[in-house]
Amino acid sequence: MTNSSLRSNPVFWGLLATQFLGAFNDNYFKQMVLLKCSEMSRSTGVDLQPMAMAAFALPFVLLSGLGGFLSDRYSKRTVVVLCKVLEIIVMAAALQVLLLKNVGPVSQLKLLILVLAFMGAQSAFFGPSKYGILPELFSSRQLLPVNGAIQMTTFLAIIFGMAGAGIALDLLNDSLWFCSMVAVGIAVIGTGTSFLVRPTPVARPGLPLEVGNLFIPADVRQLFGNHSRLTKAILVMMMFWFIGGVTQPAVNNLGEHVFHMSKTRTSLMAASIGVGIAIGCVVSGFINVGSGDGHRWTTRGSYMLVGSLLFIAILATGRLGNPVQTAGTTSTPPVNSEAAIDGFGEASVTAEDVPDAGIWQSFLQTNLIEWILRGSMLLLGISAGVFVVPIQVYIQEAPPAELKGRMIGAMNLITWIGILLSAVFLYLVNLTTGLLTGGTGLEHQSIVFLILAVIMLPIAVLYRLPPPPDTDGSAVNFPIETPTA
């Protein structure tokens, strides 16, 4: 099957649709919870976003290894379908929480965070089979464009999910149950599209469940120990998702607490990252296919990430301008142009200064600084896309066939440890900044982006993804002694 035949392959489209719909629901609900956490911190002084991120990440840490075991012990297609059924149940639980009567907003938010944890559990089981099934469905030469398409649709779902959450919170407010009903419907449709995926054979029939399977199995640890290049790639992926785990709530705080934007405009700013990642994934997939140049794009992307984070840190100080000063409808008076700059140089405005823009005004009627903010988020996403896709392909192709599912499960475990640590990191940075400035720390997000740039810099300087050792597009399987079942 050639690359051009992918367009007429129902398995390819079924997998893309299943991934897109699931990722949309994940990101819609997660962004809704994060925005409500950021909003509530204005009155409580405590930002629950790190708790929400930790609740979403912890199931990946605890269950990714088990998800990898299931993907090797059973048909990956079977696991994919069952996970989609579980998604319906989780979305229905979110609907039930939103329909509860006589529940205070704080209690309801904590219940939504609990549902978010179950969503993380469902995704932890889904991930190893979703990625592990790709080499079973497509040839080695097709993996790069297929991965680019998967990543592109994933982040298109992030775009629509995050933007949709902000719009829903601004427009529907007390009618969030309706939005949750839509999410249940999307989960049902996604379950239907999962049946288009072709059945696949079981990689390891009769594989016993052992304690090691719940974390990193012994044979996968042996693979790590014998092949430092694969280990380095996994660790770089962990740091990449650590940075990604910090970025989303930091952008929410940037819009909510630094620039006092509406939820729609904040989500549009965050969604710009998703647009950029989609573009970066397409660039990585189509420019590098068959060229063996993916390792060079990883290096270029890493330097672009450092530059983007530094530029966002500068914008977050507010010294170049404040996006709320001229944004909004023409009938709304502008923000006081003499808004104070305090603390570490962050822009300080009040909620009364913020124009009450409509949805289309939020899209279009913004000033130059807000367009620059969105553009910098777009560049950050493009950098992330061209950086991560070649690493993803390398990790998929490297292990032997019988270890791919558990290898990807281990990768999910390690990367989600990074995301879990990002929640701790964000909490500690905001706490420390608050203690130093006498505030909550949420008004000084430039510090967060500056630290992320400093963390990414050694990766850009020191890490080099190995070039593919084969020239004919065949899979790269590291030799390893396969343990007996």
Protein backbone atom coordinates (compact mmCIF):
# COMPACT_ATOMS: atom_id res chain seq x y z
CA MET A 1 0.00 0.00 0.00
CA THR A 2 1.48 3.35 -1.06
CA ASN A 3 1.21 6.64 0.80
CA SER A 4 -1.36 7.93 -1.70
CA SER A 5 -3.60 4.94 -0.98
CA LEU A 6 -4.03 6.13 2.62
CA ARG A 7 -6.66 8.58 1.41
CA SER A 8 -8.88 5.70 0.24
CA ASN A 9 -8.19 3.43 3.21
CA PRO A 10 -11.23 3.21 5.59
CA VAL A 11 -9.00 1.87 8.37
CA PHE A 12 -6.88 5.02 8.20
CA TRP A 13 -9.93 7.32 8.29
CA GLY A 14 -11.61 5.30 11.03
CA LEU A 15 -8.52 5.58 13.21
CA LEU A 16 -8.22 9.31 12.52
CA ALA A 17 -11.89 9.93 13.35
CA THR A 18 -11.72 7.85 16.52
CA GLN A 19 -8.63 9.70 17.70
CA PHE A 20 -10.04 13.12 16.82
CA LEU A 21 -13.36 12.65 18.60
CA GLY A 22 -11.75 11.20 21.71
CA ALA A 23 -9.13 13.94 21.89
CA PHE A 24 -11.83 16.60 21.43
CA ASN A 25 -13.80 15.32 24.41
CA ASP A 26 -10.67 15.01 26.53
CA ASN A 27 -9.51 18.55 25.86
CA TYR A 28 -12.95 20.14 25.94
CA PHE A 29 -13.66 18.79 29.40
CA LYS A 30 -10.15 19.31 30.74
CA GLN A 31 -10.01 22.94 29.56
CA MET A 32 -13.46 23.58 31.01
CA VAL A 33 -12.28 22.33 34.41
CA LEU A 34 -9.00 24.26 34.22
CA LEU A 35 -10.76 27.51 33.31
CA LYS A 36 -13.22 27.11 36.17
CA CYS A 37 -10.28 26.45 38.51
CA SER A 38 -8.51 29.60 37.32
CA GLU A 39 -11.71 31.65 37.65
CA MET A 40 -12.43 30.38 41.15
CA SER A 41 -8.91 31.24 42.31
CA ARG A 42 -9.88 34.93 42.07
CA SER A 43 -12.22 34.53 45.03
CA THR A 44 -10.45 31.75 46.94
CA GLY A 45 -6.84 32.78 46.31
CA VAL A 46 -5.99 29.13 45.58
CA ASP A 47 -5.49 27.84 42.04
CA LEU A 48 -6.81 24.28 41.69
CA GLN A 49 -5.36 23.89 38.20
CA PRO A 50 -2.30 21.97 39.47
CA MET A 51 -4.66 19.62 41.35
CA ALA A 52 -6.71 19.09 38.20
CA MET A 53 -3.60 18.44 36.11
CA ALA A 54 -2.33 16.01 38.73
CA ALA A 55 -5.69 14.22 38.83
CA PHE A 56 -5.57 13.81 35.07
CA ALA A 57 -1.92 12.71 35.03
CA LEU A 58 -1.87 10.30 37.99
CA PRO A 59 -3.91 7.55 36.26
CA PHE A 60 -1.37 7.56 33.44
CA VAL A 61 1.41 6.99 35.95
CA LEU A 62 -0.48 4.17 37.66
CA LEU A 63 -2.16 2.52 34.67
CA SER A 64 -0.03 3.09 31.55
CA GLY A 65 1.97 -0.06 32.22
CA LEU A 66 -1.24 -2.04 32.56
CA GLY A 67 -2.50 -0.43 29.35
CA GLY A 68 0.65 -1.60 27.59
CA PHE A 69 0.18 -5.11 28.96
CA LEU A 70 -3.42 -5.24 27.72
CA SER A 71 -2.34 -4.06 24.26
CA ASP A 72 0.08 -7.00 23.99
CA ARG A 73 -2.11 -9.58 25.75
CA TYR A 74 -5.23 -8.84 23.68
CA SER A 75 -5.93 -7.50 20.22
CA LYS A 76 -5.12 -3.80 20.15
CA ARG A 77 -8.28 -3.19 18.14
CA THR A 78 -10.37 -4.81 20.88
CA VAL A 79 -8.76 -2.58 23.51
CA VAL A 80 -9.42 0.51 21.35
CA VAL A 81 -13.14 -0.30 21.01
CA LEU A 82 -13.59 -1.06 24.72
CA CYS A 83 -11.83 2.16 25.67
CA LYS A 84 -14.25 4.11 23.51
CA VAL A 85 -17.17 2.48 25.34
CA LEU A 86 -15.53 3.52 28.61
CA GLU A 87 -15.33 7.08 27.28
CA ILE A 88 -19.13 7.14 26.95
CA ILE A 89 -19.44 6.19 30.61
CA VAL A 90 -16.99 8.89 31.72
CA MET A 91 -18.71 11.61 29.69
CA ALA A 92 -22.07 10.51 31.13
CA ALA A 93 -20.59 10.83 34.63
CA ALA A 94 -19.56 14.41 33.84
CA LEU A 95 -23.13 15.12 32.72
CA GLN A 96 -24.46 13.70 35.96
CA VAL A 97 -22.19 15.96 38.01
CA LEU A 98 -23.37 19.03 36.10
CA LEU A 99 -27.02 18.05 36.71
CA LEU A 100 -26.62 17.66 40.48
CA LYS A 101 -28.83 19.98 42.51
CA ASN A 102 -27.95 21.82 45.71
CA VAL A 103 -24.21 21.35 45.20
CA GLY A 104 -21.95 24.34 45.78
CA PRO A 105 -19.58 25.49 43.02
CA VAL A 106 -16.45 24.39 44.90
CA SER A 107 -17.87 20.92 45.57
CA GLN A 108 -19.04 20.60 41.97
CA LEU A 109 -15.61 21.61 40.72
CA LYS A 110 -13.95 18.98 42.91
CA LEU A 111 -16.35 16.35 41.56
CA LEU A 112 -15.45 17.41 38.02
CA ILE A 113 -11.77 17.00 38.92
CA LEU A 114 -12.61 13.47 40.10
CA VAL A 115 -14.30 12.75 36.75
CA LEU A 116 -11.20 14.18 35.08
CA ALA A 117 -9.17 11.51 36.86
CA PHE A 118 -11.41 8.79 35.39
CA MET A 119 -10.96 10.38 31.99
CA GLY A 120 -7.22 10.09 32.50
CA ALA A 121 -7.65 6.40 33.37
CA GLN A 122 -9.58 5.77 30.16
CA SER A 123 -6.93 7.54 28.11
CA ALA A 124 -4.15 5.61 29.87
CA PHE A 125 -5.64 2.34 28.63
CA PHE A 126 -6.30 3.79 25.17
CA GLY A 127 -2.85 5.24 24.43
CA PRO A 128 -0.65 2.12 24.11
CA SER A 129 -3.09 0.38 21.78
CA LYS A 130 -3.75 3.53 19.74
CA TYR A 131 -0.07 4.04 18.97
CA GLY A 132 1.02 0.41 19.15
CA ILE A 133 -1.51 -0.59 16.50
CA LEU A 134 0.02 1.72 13.88
CA PRO A 135 2.93 -0.58 12.89
CA GLU A 136 0.41 -3.45 12.64
CA LEU A 137 -1.88 -1.52 10.27
CA PHE A 138 0.62 0.40 8.14
CA SER A 139 3.99 -0.22 6.51
CA SER A 140 7.18 1.28 7.89
CA ARG A 141 7.34 3.84 5.08
CA GLN A 142 3.84 5.02 5.94
CA LEU A 143 4.49 5.48 9.66
CA LEU A 144 5.84 9.01 9.38
CA PRO A 145 2.91 10.45 7.36
CA VAL A 146 0.43 8.42 9.43
CA ASN A 147 1.97 9.74 12.65
CA GLY A 148 1.88 13.25 11.22
CA ALA A 149 -1.82 12.84 10.42
CA ILE A 150 -2.55 11.35 13.85
CA GLN A 151 -0.72 14.17 15.60
CA MET A 152 -2.37 16.76 13.34
CA THR A 153 -5.90 15.53 14.06
CA THR A 154 -5.07 15.21 17.74
CA PHE A 155 -4.11 18.82 17.98
CA LEU A 156 -6.94 19.98 15.75
CA ALA A 157 -9.11 18.32 18.39
CA ILE A 158 -7.18 20.24 21.05
CA ILE A 159 -7.85 23.47 19.15
CA PHE A 160 -11.60 22.90 18.89
CA GLY A 161 -11.84 21.37 22.35
CA MET A 162 -10.07 24.21 24.15
CA ALA A 163 -11.75 26.95 22.13
CA GLY A 164 -15.13 25.27 22.57
CA ALA A 165 -14.68 25.12 26.34
CA GLY A 166 -14.02 28.85 26.61
CA ILE A 167 -16.90 29.77 24.32
CA ALA A 168 -19.29 27.48 26.23
CA LEU A 169 -18.31 28.93 29.61
CA ASP A 170 -18.80 32.48 28.32
CA LEU A 171 -22.06 31.93 26.42
CA LEU A 172 -23.93 29.06 28.07
CA ASN A 173 -22.90 29.41 31.70
CA ASP A 174 -25.78 27.62 33.46
CA SER A 175 -26.43 25.35 30.47
CA LEU A 176 -23.20 23.36 30.64
CA TRP A 177 -25.24 20.20 30.93
CA PHE A 178 -26.18 20.68 27.26
CA CYS A 179 -22.51 20.85 26.28
CA SER A 180 -21.91 17.68 28.27
CA MET A 181 -24.72 15.95 26.39
CA VAL A 182 -22.95 16.86 23.15
CA ALA A 183 -19.77 15.30 24.57
CA VAL A 184 -21.67 12.07 25.29
CA GLY A 185 -22.94 12.07 21.71
CA ILE A 186 -19.43 12.56 20.35
CA ALA A 187 -18.21 9.64 22.48
CA VAL A 188 -20.94 7.46 20.96
CA ILE A 189 -19.94 8.47 17.43
CA GLY A 190 -16.28 7.82 18.26
CA THR A 191 -17.18 4.34 19.43
CA GLY A 192 -18.86 3.73 16.09
CA THR A 193 -15.83 4.87 14.08
CA SER A 194 -13.56 2.60 16.12
CA PHE A 195 -15.23 -0.40 14.47
CA LEU A 196 -13.69 0.71 11.16
CA VAL A 197 -10.26 -0.22 12.51
CA ARG A 198 -9.16 -3.58 11.14
CA PRO A 199 -8.87 -6.43 13.69
CA THR A 200 -5.27 -7.19 14.58
CA PRO A 201 -3.65 -10.36 15.94
CA VAL A 202 -2.63 -10.71 19.57
CA ALA A 203 1.07 -9.94 19.98
CA ARG A 204 1.66 -12.12 23.08
CA PRO A 205 -1.17 -14.63 23.66
CA GLY A 206 -1.13 -15.98 27.18
CA LEU A 207 1.13 -13.23 28.50
CA PRO A 208 0.76 -13.40 32.31
CA LEU A 209 -0.02 -10.32 34.37
CA GLU A 210 2.90 -9.62 36.66
CA VAL A 211 3.67 -6.77 39.03
CA GLY A 212 6.29 -5.51 36.61
CA ASN A 213 3.60 -5.13 33.96
CA LEU A 214 1.91 -2.47 36.09
CA PHE A 215 4.94 -0.22 35.79
CA ILE A 216 7.91 -0.94 33.51
CA PRO A 217 8.28 -4.67 32.69
CA ALA A 218 11.67 -6.32 33.11
CA ASP A 219 12.16 -6.89 29.38
CA VAL A 220 11.42 -3.23 28.65
CA ARG A 221 13.86 -2.20 31.41
CA GLN A 222 16.41 -4.48 29.76
CA LEU A 223 15.77 -2.72 26.46
CA PHE A 224 16.37 0.63 28.16
CA GLY A 225 19.57 -0.65 29.73
CA ASN A 226 20.98 -2.05 26.49
CA HIS A 227 20.12 0.88 24.22
CA SER A 228 20.94 4.32 25.55
CA ARG A 229 19.63 6.06 22.41
CA LEU A 230 16.12 4.80 23.06
CA THR A 231 16.39 5.74 26.75
CA LYS A 232 17.48 9.27 25.88
CA ALA A 233 14.59 9.63 23.42
CA ILE A 234 12.11 8.58 26.13
CA LEU A 235 13.59 11.03 28.65
CA VAL A 236 13.47 13.87 26.12
CA MET A 237 9.82 13.02 25.49
CA MET A 238 9.24 13.22 29.25
CA MET A 239 10.76 16.71 29.41
CA PHE A 240 8.76 17.78 26.34
CA TRP A 241 5.49 16.81 28.00
CA PHE A 242 6.65 18.31 31.31
CA ILE A 243 6.88 21.63 29.48
CA GLY A 244 3.55 20.97 27.77
CA GLY A 245 1.93 20.16 31.11
CA VAL A 246 3.00 23.52 32.51
CA THR A 247 2.13 25.52 29.40
CA GLN A 248 -1.66 25.03 29.25
CA PRO A 249 -2.49 26.18 32.81
CA ALA A 250 0.16 28.90 32.52
CA VAL A 251 -1.55 30.27 29.40
CA ASN A 252 -4.91 30.11 31.21
CA ASN A 253 -3.42 32.10 34.09
CA LEU A 254 -1.82 34.52 31.64
CA GLY A 255 -5.23 35.31 30.15
CA GLU A 256 -7.23 35.15 33.38
CA HIS A 257 -4.92 36.81 35.91
CA VAL A 258 -2.33 38.83 33.98
CA PHE A 259 -4.38 40.27 31.10
CA HIS A 260 -7.88 39.60 32.54
CA MET A 261 -9.24 38.27 29.26
CA SER A 262 -12.56 36.56 28.83
CA LYS A 263 -12.56 32.77 28.81
CA THR A 264 -13.18 32.80 25.07
CA ARG A 265 -10.13 34.94 24.35
CA THR A 266 -8.01 32.97 26.81
CA SER A 267 -9.01 29.70 25.16
CA LEU A 268 -8.35 31.13 21.69
CA MET A 269 -4.86 32.04 22.83
CA ALA A 270 -4.30 28.53 24.17
CA ALA A 271 -5.86 26.99 21.06
CA SER A 272 -3.32 28.84 18.92
CA ILE A 273 -0.73 26.42 20.29
CA GLY A 274 -2.81 23.54 18.98
CA VAL A 275 -3.03 25.17 15.55
CA GLY A 276 0.74 25.48 15.50
CA ILE A 277 1.28 21.88 16.57
CA ALA A 278 -1.01 20.68 13.80
CA ILE A 279 1.00 22.69 11.27
CA GLY A 280 4.27 21.43 12.73
CA CYS A 281 3.11 17.82 12.55
CA VAL A 282 2.15 18.20 8.89
CA VAL A 283 5.50 19.84 8.11
CA SER A 284 7.35 17.06 9.92
CA GLY A 285 5.32 14.33 8.22
CA PHE A 286 5.43 15.53 4.62
CA ILE A 287 8.85 17.19 4.41
CA ASN A 288 10.69 14.36 6.13
CA VAL A 289 8.96 11.32 4.64
CA GLY A 290 11.54 9.20 2.88
CA SER A 291 14.29 11.81 3.41
CA GLY A 292 15.76 10.49 6.66
CA ASP A 293 15.95 14.10 7.86
CA GLY A 294 13.70 13.84 10.92
CA HIS A 295 16.59 14.00 13.39
CA ARG A 296 17.62 17.41 12.03
CA TRP A 297 14.08 18.75 12.37
CA THR A 298 14.11 17.70 16.02
CA THR A 299 17.16 19.90 16.61
CA ARG A 300 15.63 22.83 14.74
CA GLY A 301 12.38 22.45 16.65
CA SER A 302 14.17 22.46 20.01
CA TYR A 303 15.84 25.82 19.32
CA MET A 304 12.54 27.21 18.06
CA LEU A 305 10.90 26.11 21.32
CA VAL A 306 13.50 27.98 23.38
CA GLY A 307 13.03 31.15 21.34
CA SER A 308 9.23 30.97 21.48
CA LEU A 309 9.16 30.48 25.25
CA LEU A 310 11.53 33.41 25.79
CA PHE A 311 9.42 35.69 23.59
CA ILE A 312 6.21 34.70 25.41
CA ALA A 313 7.96 35.41 28.73
CA ILE A 314 8.73 38.93 27.48
CA LEU A 315 5.16 39.49 26.30
CA ALA A 316 3.82 38.19 29.63
CA THR A 317 5.53 41.03 31.49
CA GLY A 318 3.12 43.46 29.83
CA ARG A 319 5.89 45.93 29.03
CA LEU A 320 5.25 45.66 25.30
CA GLY A 321 1.55 46.36 25.75
CA ASN A 322 -1.66 44.97 27.14
CA PRO A 323 -4.07 43.14 24.83
CA VAL A 324 -7.17 44.34 26.73
CA GLN A 325 -6.40 48.00 26.08
CA THR A 326 -8.06 48.17 22.65
CA ALA A 327 -9.82 44.83 22.21
CA GLY A 328 -13.58 44.56 22.25
CA THR A 329 -16.57 46.15 20.65
CA THR A 330 -16.44 49.69 19.42
CA SER A 331 -19.16 50.68 21.88
CA THR A 332 -17.06 49.70 24.86
CA PRO A 333 -14.64 52.24 26.29
CA PRO A 334 -10.99 51.22 26.19
CA VAL A 335 -8.97 50.18 29.16
CA ASN A 336 -7.32 52.83 31.23
CA SER A 337 -4.06 53.41 29.37
CA GLU A 338 -2.24 54.10 32.61
CA ALA A 339 -2.81 50.61 34.02
CA ALA A 340 -0.09 49.89 36.53
CA ILE A 341 2.88 47.63 36.09
CA ASP A 342 3.70 45.88 39.34
CA GLY A 343 5.77 43.11 40.89
CA PHE A 344 8.07 41.56 38.29
CA GLY A 345 6.71 43.84 35.61
CA GLU A 346 3.42 42.10 34.94
CA ALA A 347 0.52 44.09 33.52
CA SER A 348 -2.05 44.90 36.20
CA VAL A 349 -5.63 45.70 35.22
CA THR A 350 -8.97 45.26 36.87
CA ALA A 351 -11.96 43.28 35.70
CA GLU A 352 -13.83 46.53 35.15
CA ASP A 353 -11.21 47.54 32.58
CA VAL A 354 -11.87 44.54 30.39
CA PRO A 355 -14.18 45.06 27.41
CA ASP A 356 -17.12 42.68 27.20
CA ALA A 357 -16.48 41.46 23.65
CA GLY A 358 -18.71 39.04 21.84
CA ILE A 359 -17.50 35.82 20.28
CA TRP A 360 -16.70 37.22 16.85
CA GLN A 361 -15.16 40.30 18.40
CA SER A 362 -12.97 37.97 20.45
CA PHE A 363 -11.79 36.38 17.21
CA LEU A 364 -11.16 39.52 15.19
CA GLN A 365 -11.40 42.80 17.11
CA THR A 366 -8.15 42.58 19.02
CA ASN A 367 -5.16 44.87 19.14
CA LEU A 368 -1.66 44.21 17.79
CA ILE A 369 -0.32 42.84 21.08
CA GLU A 370 -3.01 40.18 21.28
CA TRP A 371 -2.30 39.14 17.68
CA ILE A 372 1.39 38.94 18.57
CA LEU A 373 0.49 36.81 21.60
CA ARG A 374 -1.52 34.44 19.42
CA GLY A 375 1.28 34.39 16.85
CA SER A 376 3.86 33.51 19.48
CA MET A 377 1.63 30.70 20.73
CA LEU A 378 1.28 29.53 17.12
CA LEU A 379 5.06 29.49 16.68
CA LEU A 380 5.42 27.61 19.97
CA GLY A 381 3.07 24.96 18.64
CA ILE A 382 4.83 24.70 15.26
CA SER A 383 8.12 24.24 17.10
CA ALA A 384 6.61 21.50 19.24
CA GLY A 385 5.21 19.66 16.23
CA VAL A 386 8.44 19.53 14.23
CA PHE A 387 10.31 18.57 17.41
CA VAL A 388 8.18 15.69 18.65
CA VAL A 389 6.99 13.71 15.60
CA PRO A 390 10.41 12.27 14.60
CA ILE A 391 11.02 11.24 18.22
CA GLN A 392 7.60 9.57 18.33
CA VAL A 393 8.37 7.59 15.16
CA TYR A 394 11.79 6.56 16.48
CA ILE A 395 10.26 5.20 19.68
CA GLN A 396 7.56 3.30 17.76
CA GLU A 397 9.97 1.64 15.34
CA ALA A 398 12.81 0.82 17.72
CA PRO A 399 11.41 -2.01 19.90
CA PRO A 400 10.83 -5.58 18.68
CA ALA A 401 7.24 -6.33 17.61
CA GLU A 402 6.43 -8.32 20.75
CA LEU A 403 7.50 -5.41 22.97
CA LYS A 404 5.92 -2.47 21.13
CA GLY A 405 2.76 -2.31 23.21
CA ARG A 406 4.54 -2.48 26.55
CA MET A 407 7.26 -0.15 25.27
CA ILE A 408 4.69 2.49 24.36
CA GLY A 409 2.94 1.87 27.68
CA ALA A 410 6.25 2.53 29.42
CA MET A 411 6.70 5.67 27.30
CA ASN A 412 3.26 6.88 28.38
CA LEU A 413 4.15 6.14 32.00
CA ILE A 414 7.39 8.11 31.85
CA THR A 415 5.94 11.05 29.94
CA TRP A 416 2.99 11.28 32.31
CA ILE A 417 5.36 11.26 35.24
CA GLY A 418 6.71 14.39 33.57
CA ILE A 419 3.21 15.88 33.35
CA LEU A 420 2.50 14.94 36.97
CA LEU A 421 5.73 16.66 37.99
CA SER A 422 4.65 19.68 35.95
CA ALA A 423 1.63 20.08 38.24
CA VAL A 424 3.92 20.05 41.28
CA PHE A 425 6.30 22.45 39.55
CA LEU A 426 3.55 24.92 38.66
CA TYR A 427 2.17 24.86 42.20
CA LEU A 428 5.61 25.47 43.73
CA VAL A 429 6.51 28.27 41.29
CA ASN A 430 3.21 30.07 41.88
CA LEU A 431 3.52 29.57 45.64
CA THR A 432 7.10 30.84 45.74
CA THR A 433 6.31 33.81 43.51
CA GLY A 434 3.31 34.65 45.67
CA LEU A 435 5.40 34.58 48.84
CA LEU A 436 8.03 36.84 47.27
CA THR A 437 5.53 39.35 45.88
CA GLY A 438 2.82 39.23 48.53
CA GLY A 439 0.16 38.07 46.06
CA THR A 440 -1.06 34.74 44.72
CA GLY A 441 1.80 34.37 42.24
CA LEU A 442 -0.69 33.89 39.42
CA GLU A 443 -0.06 37.42 38.15
CA HIS A 444 3.57 36.67 37.25
CA GLN A 445 3.42 34.04 34.52
CA SER A 446 6.44 35.51 32.71
CA ILE A 447 8.58 33.76 35.32
CA VAL A 448 7.00 30.41 34.43
CA PHE A 449 7.72 30.77 30.70
CA LEU A 450 11.26 31.97 31.40
CA ILE A 451 11.98 28.90 33.52
CA LEU A 452 10.56 26.64 30.79
CA ALA A 453 12.93 28.22 28.24
CA VAL A 454 15.87 27.61 30.58
CA ILE A 455 14.81 23.96 31.00
CA MET A 456 14.53 23.46 27.23
CA LEU A 457 17.88 25.07 26.41
CA PRO A 458 20.13 22.12 27.45
CA ILE A 459 17.98 19.77 25.34
CA ALA A 460 18.44 22.04 22.32
CA VAL A 461 22.20 22.23 22.82
CA LEU A 462 22.99 18.65 23.84
CA TYR A 463 20.37 16.25 22.46
CA ARG A 464 20.54 14.88 18.94
CA LEU A 465 18.02 12.31 17.71
CA PRO A 466 19.97 9.51 15.97
CA PRO A 467 19.51 9.35 12.19
CA PRO A 468 17.64 6.26 10.98
CA PRO A 469 20.17 3.40 10.66
CA ASP A 470 18.32 1.89 7.69
CA THR A 471 17.88 3.38 4.24
CA ASP A 472 15.10 1.23 2.85
CA GLY A 473 12.40 2.25 5.30
CA SER A 474 12.39 -1.06 7.15
CA ALA A 475 11.66 -1.09 10.85
CA VAL A 476 14.50 -0.67 13.28
CA ASN A 477 14.29 -3.46 15.83
CA PHE A 478 16.95 -3.55 18.49
CA PRO A 479 18.08 -7.11 19.27
CA ILE A 480 17.06 -8.29 22.69
CA GLU A 481 16.60 -11.63 24.35
CA THR A 482 12.85 -12.18 24.61
CA PRO A 483 11.87 -13.66 27.99
CA THR A 484 9.69 -16.73 28.09
CA ALA A 485 6.09 -16.29 29.08
